[in-house]
C-alpha atoms as a PDB file:
ATOM      1  CA  UNK A   1      36.219  18.445   4.132  1.00  0.00           C
ATOM      2  CA  UNK A   2      33.606  15.736   5.060  1.00  0.00           C
ATOM      3  CA  UNK A   3      35.574  11.988   4.687  1.00  0.00           C
ATOM      4  CA  UNK A   4      34.325   9.990   1.678  1.00  0.00           C
ATOM      5  CA  UNK A   5      31.778   8.324   3.970  1.00  0.00           C
ATOM      6  CA  UNK A   6      30.767  11.016   5.770  1.00  0.00           C
ATOM      7  CA  UNK A   7      26.415  12.363   5.532  1.00  0.00           C
ATOM      8  CA  UNK A   8      26.719  16.025   3.990  1.00  0.00           C
ATOM      9  CA  UNK A   9      24.786  18.892   4.071  1.00  0.00           C
ATOM     10  CA  UNK A  10      22.491  20.351   1.127  1.00  0.00           C
ATOM     11  CA  UNK A  11      24.241  23.343  -0.659  1.00  0.00           C
ATOM     12  CA  UNK A  12      27.887  21.500  -0.735  1.00  0.00           C
ATOM     13  CA  UNK A  13      29.074  21.459  -4.146  1.00  0.00           C
ATOM     14  CA  UNK A  14      29.593  17.859  -4.052  1.00  0.00           C
ATOM     15  CA  UNK A  15      25.804  17.206  -3.172  1.00  0.00           C
ATOM     16  CA  UNK A  16      25.131  19.653  -5.997  1.00  0.00           C
ATOM     17  CA  UNK A  17      27.599  18.294  -8.949  1.00  0.00           C
ATOM     18  CA  UNK A  18      25.742  14.680  -8.323  1.00  0.00           C
ATOM     19  CA  UNK A  19      22.494  15.361  -8.175  1.00  0.00           C
ATOM     20  CA  UNK A  20      23.124  17.830 -11.576  1.00  0.00           C
ATOM     21  CA  UNK A  21      24.378  15.073 -13.247  1.00  0.00           C
ATOM     22  CA  UNK A  22      22.200  12.307 -12.795  1.00  0.00           C
ATOM     23  CA  UNK A  23      18.995  15.313 -13.152  1.00  0.00           C
ATOM     24  CA  UNK A  24      20.995  16.226 -16.625  1.00  0.00           C
ATOM     25  CA  UNK A  25      20.864  11.863 -17.423  1.00  0.00           C
ATOM     26  CA  UNK A  26      17.456  11.593 -16.612  1.00  0.00           C
ATOM     27  CA  UNK A  27      16.540  14.471 -19.022  1.00  0.00           C
ATOM     28  CA  UNK A  28      18.585  13.149 -21.630  1.00  0.00           C
ATOM     29  CA  UNK A  29      17.811   9.249 -21.515  1.00  0.00           C
ATOM     30  CA  UNK A  30      14.074   9.322 -20.629  1.00  0.00           C
ATOM     31  CA  UNK A  31      12.048  12.976 -20.496  1.00  0.00           C
ATOM     32  CA  UNK A  32      13.566  14.495 -23.468  1.00  0.00           C
ATOM     33  CA  UNK A  33      12.698  10.698 -25.134  1.00  0.00           C
ATOM     34  CA  UNK A  34       9.346  10.025 -23.940  1.00  0.00           C
ATOM     35  CA  UNK A  35       5.663  11.691 -24.236  1.00  0.00           C
ATOM     36  CA  UNK A  36       3.714  10.586 -21.114  1.00  0.00           C
ATOM     37  CA  UNK A  37       0.030  10.442 -21.739  1.00  0.00           C
ATOM     38  CA  UNK A  38      -0.990  10.396 -17.822  1.00  0.00           C
ATOM     39  CA  UNK A  39       0.519  11.391 -14.794  1.00  0.00           C
ATOM     40  CA  UNK A  40       0.866   7.471 -14.345  1.00  0.00           C
ATOM     41  CA  UNK A  41       2.462   6.827 -16.881  1.00  0.00           C
ATOM     42  CA  UNK A  42       5.235   9.225 -16.612  1.00  0.00           C
ATOM     43  CA  UNK A  43       5.904   8.192 -12.695  1.00  0.00           C
ATOM     44  CA  UNK A  44       6.122   4.320 -14.335  1.00  0.00           C
ATOM     45  CA  UNK A  45       8.578   4.954 -17.565  1.00  0.00           C
ATOM     46  CA  UNK A  46      10.348   7.562 -14.920  1.00  0.00           C
ATOM     47  CA  UNK A  47      10.491   4.851 -11.944  1.00  0.00           C
ATOM     48  CA  UNK A  48      11.579   2.271 -14.409  1.00  0.00           C
ATOM     49  CA  UNK A  49      14.898   4.322 -15.927  1.00  0.00           C
ATOM     50  CA  UNK A  50      15.587   5.181 -12.033  1.00  0.00           C
ATOM     51  CA  UNK A  51      15.266   0.841 -11.319  1.00  0.00           C
ATOM     52  CA  UNK A  52      17.613   0.678 -14.397  1.00  0.00           C
ATOM     53  CA  UNK A  53      20.072   3.153 -13.432  1.00  0.00           C
ATOM     54  CA  UNK A  54      20.766   2.250 -10.038  1.00  0.00           C
ATOM     55  CA  UNK A  55      21.162  -1.273 -10.619  1.00  0.00           C
ATOM     56  CA  UNK A  56      23.199  -1.335 -13.981  1.00  0.00           C
ATOM     57  CA  UNK A  57      24.319   2.134 -15.136  1.00  0.00           C
ATOM     58  CA  UNK A  58      28.076   1.577 -14.451  1.00  0.00           C
ATOM     59  CA  UNK A  59      29.017   5.089 -12.632  1.00  0.00           C
ATOM     60  CA  UNK A  60      32.727   6.116 -13.159  1.00  0.00           C
ATOM     61  CA  UNK A  61      32.926   7.928  -9.762  1.00  0.00           C
ATOM     62  CA  UNK A  62      32.090   5.000  -7.838  1.00  0.00           C
ATOM     63  CA  UNK A  63      34.588   2.958  -9.616  1.00  0.00           C
ATOM     64  CA  UNK A  64      32.801   1.882 -11.912  1.00  0.00           C
ATOM     65  CA  UNK A  65      30.110   0.352  -9.698  1.00  0.00           C
ATOM     66  CA  UNK A  66      26.441   0.487 -10.014  1.00  0.00           C
ATOM     67  CA  UNK A  67      24.185   2.989  -7.647  1.00  0.00           C
ATOM     68  CA  UNK A  68      23.011  -0.007  -6.050  1.00  0.00           C
ATOM     69  CA  UNK A  69      26.544  -1.669  -5.602  1.00  0.00           C
ATOM     70  CA  UNK A  70      28.193   1.535  -4.513  1.00  0.00           C
ATOM     71  CA  UNK A  71      25.677   1.800  -1.853  1.00  0.00           C
ATOM     72  CA  UNK A  72      25.863  -1.456  -1.092  1.00  0.00           C
ATOM     73  CA  UNK A  73      29.566  -1.419  -0.305  1.00  0.00           C
ATOM     74  CA  UNK A  74      29.048   1.454   2.261  1.00  0.00           C
ATOM     75  CA  UNK A  75      26.307   0.169   4.335  1.00  0.00           C
ATOM     76  CA  UNK A  76      28.678  -2.581   4.138  1.00  0.00           C
ATOM     77  CA  UNK A  77      31.721  -0.875   5.584  1.00  0.00           C
END
């Protein structure tokens, strides 16, 4: 099993669970609540949600840090 800081390959359960949970959150908090009038509007709204998620959401599995803070800590290690 890879260590916590190592790269994972596609198809590993750890990777699937992380992205599946993010996609669920994206759908529940953004996609199901919006009606997109254009593709440009969809890109803007979804991009804004992803930016807020990375900068503001505290994720338990990341030690109650934001994804951006966890990524910065991983790069600094």
